[in-house]
Amino acid sequence: MIGKWFNKLGIFFLRVFLYLKKNAIILAALFVLGGAIGYGLKFITSEKMQLDVIVRPNLDSKDYLYDVIDEIDINLKSENKTFLDELGVTLEEVKGFQVTIEPTKKDTENSKEKELEYLETLQKFQNTDLVADVLRDELLKNSELNHKVTFKYKNPSGAIVAEKIMKFINSNTYFKELLAVHTENSISRINQNKVLIGQIDTIIKGYSSKFNGSSKTFESGKLILQNEDNLNVSSLLSLKTRLIEDIEDKQKELKEFSNTISIINFGKPHRVTKAFFGKKIILLPMLLVGLFFLLSFLKYLNKKASQIEV
């Protein structure tokens, strides 16, 4: 039985060899034809370019960012002339243009488990002020994730269109007004803090001059002067430090919140890379040869079916 099985296997391979030998010229011709067609299409069809822009939404504009990107993509695909005129581009410039968005930070099961463990640990200190500060910082950190806006296009002027789209996104009237109010409040806060710092410096300087000519005693970080109220120097210095830190934070916000959507990195255009077997010069010969094998197999089945007596 084993010998017969090997004989049948050998006969099968011989028949495959004879089949390939019989059709070698046809198969070689199909490979050459497919390669030639794929090579020709490489010059006829232009490869797509890709441009990635890393952005950060400000002033709770994350939902607006995703909605406006979807709206832009729909208008580009539908070739909405009114929208194109508002954007300042022509129909030819946006042929085959695509725009998508996704978060740059990917959530994984491992990171979610670590976050749960982290929150369980914080629950042990839920009645302390420290936890409130930590939770606020973590929530702000998670709500201000960066996002990647991807532009794909064929026209060489696609990078210019991408710049116009980013300007269009930042032209929202509501967020521009909100940004103006936020900027005004931040500048006012900075000026008020500077005034308070000046007053603290004046108070400490005045008490220091009186300190040299007055009797004094030391009591837990306080200066006690004759005929004067107690002065808590450490408290004033701590307040001054907090005011300076607040000024630094506000100045950083003014820099970051210059637009509704801050552009972290406006990338450079690059060609969209494709897998090796995705190239036409390889795919077409394989497709033609596969089609030939399929037709040969169907022909063989038809021949065997005709030999069966009904």
Protein backbone atom coordinates (compact mmCIF):
# COMPACT_ATOMS: atom_id res chain seq x y z
CA MET A 1 0.00 0.00 0.00
CA ILE A 2 2.83 2.35 0.86
CA GLY A 3 4.55 1.54 -2.43
CA LYS A 4 1.37 2.22 -4.40
CA TRP A 5 0.93 5.53 -2.57
CA PHE A 6 4.47 6.62 -3.47
CA ASN A 7 3.88 5.51 -7.06
CA LYS A 8 0.73 7.64 -7.24
CA LEU A 9 2.58 10.62 -5.70
CA GLY A 10 5.39 10.21 -8.24
CA ILE A 11 2.94 10.02 -11.11
CA PHE A 12 1.24 13.19 -9.83
CA PHE A 13 4.51 15.14 -9.82
CA LEU A 14 5.36 13.82 -13.27
CA ARG A 15 2.01 14.96 -14.62
CA VAL A 16 2.55 18.42 -13.06
CA PHE A 17 6.00 18.56 -14.63
CA LEU A 18 4.64 17.55 -18.04
CA TYR A 19 1.85 20.11 -17.71
CA LEU A 20 4.33 22.90 -16.91
CA LYS A 21 6.65 21.73 -19.70
CA LYS A 22 3.79 21.66 -22.20
CA ASN A 23 2.66 25.20 -21.22
CA ALA A 24 6.09 26.69 -20.45
CA ILE A 25 5.98 29.07 -23.40
CA ILE A 26 2.49 30.30 -22.50
CA LEU A 27 3.44 30.80 -18.81
CA ALA A 28 6.63 32.65 -19.73
CA ALA A 29 4.68 34.86 -22.13
CA LEU A 30 2.11 35.67 -19.42
CA PHE A 31 4.90 36.60 -16.98
CA VAL A 32 6.53 38.89 -19.54
CA LEU A 33 3.18 40.40 -20.56
CA GLY A 34 2.14 41.03 -16.96
CA GLY A 35 5.51 42.56 -16.10
CA ALA A 36 5.37 44.83 -19.13
CA ILE A 37 1.84 46.01 -18.29
CA GLY A 38 2.79 46.62 -14.63
CA TYR A 39 5.91 48.51 -15.66
CA GLY A 40 3.85 50.64 -18.02
CA LEU A 41 1.21 51.41 -15.40
CA LYS A 42 4.00 52.61 -13.09
CA PHE A 43 4.51 55.55 -15.44
CA ILE A 44 0.84 56.11 -16.22
CA THR A 45 -0.48 56.21 -12.64
CA SER A 46 1.19 58.58 -10.17
CA GLU A 47 2.06 57.41 -6.66
CA LYS A 48 0.28 59.08 -3.73
CA MET A 49 2.11 61.40 -1.37
CA GLN A 50 1.46 61.57 2.37
CA LEU A 51 1.83 64.43 4.82
CA ASP A 52 1.40 63.97 8.60
CA VAL A 53 0.61 66.89 10.90
CA ILE A 54 0.75 66.45 14.69
CA VAL A 55 -1.75 68.76 16.40
CA ARG A 56 -3.09 69.43 19.89
CA PRO A 57 -6.64 70.71 20.50
CA ASN A 58 -6.97 73.67 22.91
CA LEU A 59 -9.94 75.03 24.83
CA ASP A 60 -11.93 71.75 24.69
CA SER A 61 -11.84 71.73 20.88
CA LYS A 62 -11.17 68.00 20.44
CA ASP A 63 -14.73 67.16 19.31
CA TYR A 64 -14.71 70.14 16.98
CA LEU A 65 -11.43 68.94 15.45
CA TYR A 66 -12.78 65.48 14.63
CA ASP A 67 -16.08 66.85 13.32
CA VAL A 68 -14.47 69.44 11.07
CA ILE A 69 -12.01 66.88 9.64
CA ASP A 70 -14.92 64.59 8.72
CA GLU A 71 -16.78 67.54 7.19
CA ILE A 72 -13.72 68.55 5.14
CA ASP A 73 -13.18 65.02 3.85
CA ILE A 74 -16.84 64.71 2.81
CA ASN A 75 -16.75 68.06 1.00
CA LEU A 76 -13.56 67.12 -0.83
CA LYS A 77 -14.95 63.77 -1.96
CA SER A 78 -18.25 65.33 -3.08
CA GLU A 79 -16.32 68.11 -4.88
CA ASN A 80 -18.38 70.81 -3.15
CA LYS A 81 -17.52 73.91 -5.20
CA THR A 82 -18.77 76.36 -2.56
CA PHE A 83 -16.52 74.78 0.04
CA LEU A 84 -13.55 74.68 -2.36
CA ASP A 85 -13.99 78.39 -3.09
CA GLU A 86 -14.10 79.14 0.63
CA LEU A 87 -10.96 77.05 1.12
CA GLY A 88 -9.26 78.81 -1.78
CA VAL A 89 -8.41 75.72 -3.86
CA THR A 90 -9.39 74.39 -7.27
CA LEU A 91 -11.04 71.10 -8.14
CA GLU A 92 -7.88 69.93 -9.92
CA GLU A 93 -5.78 70.49 -6.78
CA VAL A 94 -7.96 68.23 -4.63
CA LYS A 95 -8.40 65.33 -7.07
CA GLY A 96 -7.82 62.16 -5.04
CA PHE A 97 -7.15 64.24 -1.89
CA GLN A 98 -7.88 62.47 1.42
CA VAL A 99 -7.71 63.71 5.00
CA THR A 100 -8.03 61.55 8.14
CA ILE A 101 -7.31 61.95 11.85
CA GLU A 102 -6.38 59.60 14.70
CA PRO A 103 -4.90 59.87 18.21
CA THR A 104 -1.14 59.50 18.37
CA LYS A 105 -1.36 57.58 21.67
CA LYS A 106 -2.70 54.03 21.35
CA ASP A 107 -4.50 52.46 24.30
CA THR A 108 -3.46 48.93 25.14
CA GLU A 109 -4.86 46.39 27.60
CA ASN A 110 -1.63 46.58 29.57
CA SER A 111 -1.81 50.35 29.94
CA LYS A 112 -5.48 50.17 30.97
CA GLU A 113 -4.65 47.67 33.71
CA LYS A 114 -1.89 49.94 34.99
CA GLU A 115 -4.31 52.90 35.03
CA LEU A 116 -6.80 50.89 37.11
CA GLU A 117 -4.09 49.95 39.58
CA TYR A 118 -3.05 53.59 39.74
CA LEU A 119 -6.61 54.76 40.50
CA GLU A 120 -7.05 52.08 43.17
CA THR A 121 -3.92 53.34 44.89
CA LEU A 122 -5.21 56.93 44.77
CA GLN A 123 -8.45 55.88 46.48
CA LYS A 124 -6.51 55.23 49.66
CA PHE A 125 -5.72 58.96 49.81
CA GLN A 126 -9.09 60.22 48.55
CA ASN A 127 -9.59 62.66 51.44
CA THR A 128 -6.33 64.52 50.89
CA ASP A 129 -5.65 67.61 48.78
CA LEU A 130 -2.76 65.84 47.09
CA VAL A 131 -5.08 63.42 45.30
CA ALA A 132 -7.23 66.22 43.93
CA ASP A 133 -4.16 67.88 42.41
CA VAL A 134 -2.87 64.60 40.98
CA LEU A 135 -6.25 63.67 39.49
CA ARG A 136 -6.61 67.10 37.93
CA ASP A 137 -3.14 66.88 36.37
CA GLU A 138 -3.80 63.36 35.05
CA LEU A 139 -7.20 64.31 33.61
CA LEU A 140 -5.71 67.35 31.88
CA LYS A 141 -2.86 65.23 30.56
CA ASN A 142 -5.24 62.61 29.13
CA SER A 143 -7.64 65.20 27.66
CA GLU A 144 -4.85 67.03 25.84
CA LEU A 145 -3.48 64.15 23.81
CA ASN A 146 -1.83 64.92 20.51
CA HIS A 147 -3.54 63.82 17.33
CA LYS A 148 -2.23 63.05 13.85
CA VAL A 149 -3.94 64.57 10.81
CA THR A 150 -2.94 62.65 7.67
CA PHE A 151 -3.19 64.12 4.18
CA LYS A 152 -2.89 61.88 1.09
CA TYR A 153 -2.81 63.36 -2.38
CA LYS A 154 -1.49 63.02 -5.94
CA ASN A 155 -1.24 66.66 -7.02
CA PRO A 156 2.19 68.25 -6.32
CA SER A 157 0.43 71.21 -4.65
CA GLY A 158 -1.06 68.94 -1.99
CA ALA A 159 1.17 70.36 0.76
CA ILE A 160 -0.17 73.86 0.03
CA VAL A 161 -3.74 72.53 0.23
CA ALA A 162 -2.92 70.93 3.59
CA GLU A 163 -1.72 74.31 4.93
CA LYS A 164 -4.94 75.96 3.75
CA ILE A 165 -6.99 73.25 5.46
CA MET A 166 -5.17 73.79 8.78
CA LYS A 167 -5.81 77.55 8.50
CA PHE A 168 -9.47 76.82 7.76
CA ILE A 169 -9.72 74.64 10.89
CA ASN A 170 -8.29 77.47 13.02
CA SER A 171 -10.66 80.06 11.52
CA ASN A 172 -13.66 79.02 13.64
CA THR A 173 -15.26 82.25 14.93
CA TYR A 174 -16.46 80.84 18.28
CA PHE A 175 -13.07 79.47 19.29
CA LYS A 176 -11.29 82.61 18.08
CA GLU A 177 -13.45 84.73 20.39
CA LEU A 178 -12.95 82.26 23.24
CA LEU A 179 -9.20 82.33 22.61
CA ALA A 180 -9.19 86.14 22.71
CA VAL A 181 -10.94 86.11 26.10
CA HIS A 182 -8.53 83.49 27.42
CA THR A 183 -5.54 85.53 26.23
CA GLU A 184 -6.90 88.71 27.80
CA ASN A 185 -7.51 86.95 31.13
CA SER A 186 -4.03 85.40 31.13
CA ILE A 187 -2.34 88.75 30.45
CA SER A 188 -4.41 90.40 33.19
CA ARG A 189 -3.50 87.61 35.61
CA ILE A 190 0.20 87.99 34.79
CA ASN A 191 0.08 91.77 35.38
CA GLN A 192 -1.77 91.35 38.70
CA ASN A 193 0.75 88.76 39.87
CA LYS A 194 3.63 91.09 38.98
CA VAL A 195 2.00 93.87 41.03
CA LEU A 196 1.60 91.52 44.01
CA ILE A 197 5.22 90.39 43.72
CA GLY A 198 6.30 94.04 43.73
CA GLN A 199 4.21 94.70 46.84
CA ILE A 200 5.72 91.69 48.61
CA ASP A 201 9.23 92.86 47.76
CA THR A 202 8.38 96.34 49.07
CA ILE A 203 6.97 94.95 52.34
CA ILE A 204 9.99 92.72 52.95
CA LYS A 205 12.38 95.56 52.05
CA GLY A 206 10.59 97.97 54.41
CA TYR A 207 10.58 95.54 57.29
CA SER A 208 14.24 94.73 56.64
CA SER A 209 15.21 98.39 56.98
CA LYS A 210 13.26 98.69 60.24
CA PHE A 211 14.75 95.40 61.39
CA ASN A 212 18.25 96.88 61.53
CA GLY A 213 17.26 99.63 63.99
CA SER A 214 14.63 97.84 66.04
CA SER A 215 14.73 95.31 68.80
CA LYS A 216 13.81 91.93 67.55
CA THR A 217 13.18 88.39 68.61
CA PHE A 218 12.89 85.21 66.54
CA GLU A 219 9.86 82.98 66.76
CA SER A 220 9.34 80.11 64.32
CA GLY A 221 10.29 82.02 61.17
CA LYS A 222 8.58 85.32 62.13
CA LEU A 223 10.11 88.74 62.64
CA ILE A 224 8.65 90.51 65.67
CA LEU A 225 9.34 94.25 65.58
CA GLN A 226 8.61 96.89 68.26
CA ASN A 227 5.22 98.52 67.80
CA GLU A 228 4.65 96.46 64.62
CA ASP A 229 2.53 93.48 63.77
CA ASN A 230 4.16 90.09 63.31
CA LEU A 231 5.53 89.44 59.82
CA ASN A 232 5.59 85.83 58.56
CA VAL A 233 8.51 86.01 56.13
CA SER A 234 8.34 82.36 55.06
CA SER A 235 4.65 82.74 54.15
CA LEU A 236 5.36 85.82 52.02
CA LEU A 237 8.24 84.09 50.24
CA SER A 238 6.06 81.03 49.57
CA LEU A 239 3.34 83.29 48.15
CA LYS A 240 5.90 85.02 45.96
CA THR A 241 7.11 81.64 44.65
CA ARG A 242 3.55 80.57 43.82
CA LEU A 243 2.92 83.85 42.01
CA ILE A 244 6.11 83.41 39.94
CA GLU A 245 5.09 79.84 39.05
CA ASP A 246 1.62 81.06 38.07
CA ILE A 247 3.18 83.70 35.79
CA GLU A 248 5.33 81.02 34.14
CA ASP A 249 2.28 78.79 33.60
CA LYS A 250 0.27 81.64 32.08
CA GLN A 251 3.12 82.61 29.78
CA LYS A 252 3.37 79.00 28.65
CA GLU A 253 -0.39 78.93 28.00
CA LEU A 254 -0.16 82.11 25.93
CA LYS A 255 2.50 80.44 23.80
CA GLU A 256 0.63 77.15 23.45
CA PHE A 257 -2.84 78.66 22.97
CA SER A 258 -1.91 80.88 20.05
CA ASN A 259 -4.51 79.01 17.95
CA THR A 260 -7.56 76.84 18.52
CA ILE A 261 -5.55 73.87 17.23
CA SER A 262 -1.83 74.03 18.00
CA ILE A 263 0.44 72.53 15.35
CA ILE A 264 3.12 70.51 17.15
CA ASN A 265 4.83 69.33 13.97
CA PHE A 266 4.01 70.03 10.31
CA GLY A 267 5.68 67.06 8.63
CA LYS A 268 7.35 66.78 5.25
CA PRO A 269 5.63 65.10 2.26
CA HIS A 270 6.75 61.53 1.56
CA ARG A 271 5.68 58.79 -0.82
CA VAL A 272 3.24 56.21 0.46
CA THR A 273 5.18 52.97 0.86
CA LYS A 274 3.55 49.77 -0.41
CA ALA A 275 4.17 46.11 0.28
CA PHE A 276 6.34 44.23 -2.26
CA PHE A 277 3.49 42.09 -3.58
CA GLY A 278 1.29 45.16 -3.76
CA LYS A 279 3.30 46.56 -6.65
CA LYS A 280 1.67 46.27 -10.06
CA ILE A 281 4.85 44.99 -11.69
CA ILE A 282 4.67 41.84 -9.48
CA LEU A 283 0.92 41.53 -8.98
CA LEU A 284 -0.14 41.51 -12.65
CA PRO A 285 2.07 38.58 -13.79
CA MET A 286 0.89 36.50 -10.83
CA LEU A 287 -2.72 37.43 -11.62
CA LEU A 288 -2.40 36.38 -15.29
CA VAL A 289 -0.69 33.09 -14.42
CA GLY A 290 -3.26 32.35 -11.73
CA LEU A 291 -6.05 33.04 -14.22
CA PHE A 292 -4.41 30.62 -16.69
CA PHE A 293 -4.23 27.88 -14.04
CA LEU A 294 -7.86 28.47 -13.13
CA LEU A 295 -9.00 28.17 -16.76
CA SER A 296 -6.91 25.02 -17.21
CA PHE A 297 -8.46 23.48 -14.09
CA LEU A 298 -11.98 24.33 -15.25
CA LYS A 299 -11.17 22.83 -18.66
CA TYR A 300 -9.95 19.65 -16.95
CA LEU A 301 -13.13 19.43 -14.84
CA ASN A 302 -15.28 19.95 -17.92
CA LYS A 303 -13.41 17.15 -19.74
CA LYS A 304 -13.88 14.72 -16.81
CA ALA A 305 -17.55 15.66 -16.46
CA SER A 306 -18.17 14.92 -20.13
CA GLN A 307 -16.80 11.40 -19.66
CA ILE A 308 -19.42 10.58 -17.04
CA GLU A 309 -22.47 8.86 -18.47
CA VAL A 310 -25.70 10.45 -17.34
